[in-house]
Amino acid sequence: QVHIVETGGGLVQPGGSLRLACATSGFTFENYIIGWFRQAPGKEREGTSVSCISPGEEIPYYESFLEGRFHISRDNAKNTVYLQMNNLKPEDTATYYCAALDSSYRYCAGYVAKSYNYWGQGTQVTVSS
């Protein structure tokens, strides 16, 4: 059975940092692209990932509006992906979802949300003073 669990969310002041973790089990992690998506309050979940990473970590993807503030990494030995979020802004407030896509393609940016096979329940990130 597939499990995807996101942790690390919380309340942080503007300019602060959080590190999200996406722990997975039940599928061959090293064969999957992992993406982070977000859903802002009162809005639909975004159709494209804010960040994603291929199994070989060749070309991580970041939404341009992140301006270098986020960093994604994966530990294939632990079946876990991390999203380090720095210099957080109020507009980063959202529920962050981790998802897995059955593909070892080195470019993960082109896949939309509906392409992903498995999803976690999300972790809430609130950026507020």
Foldseek 3Di string as FASTA:
>chain_A
DKAWAKDWADEAAQQAKIKIKIFIDDDQLLQKKKFKWWDAPPGDIDFFGQWIAASVRQDIDHDVVLVPQWDKDDDSVRSMIMIIGGRDDQVVWTWMKMFIARHRDGDDRPDTPVRTDDIHPTDTHGYHD
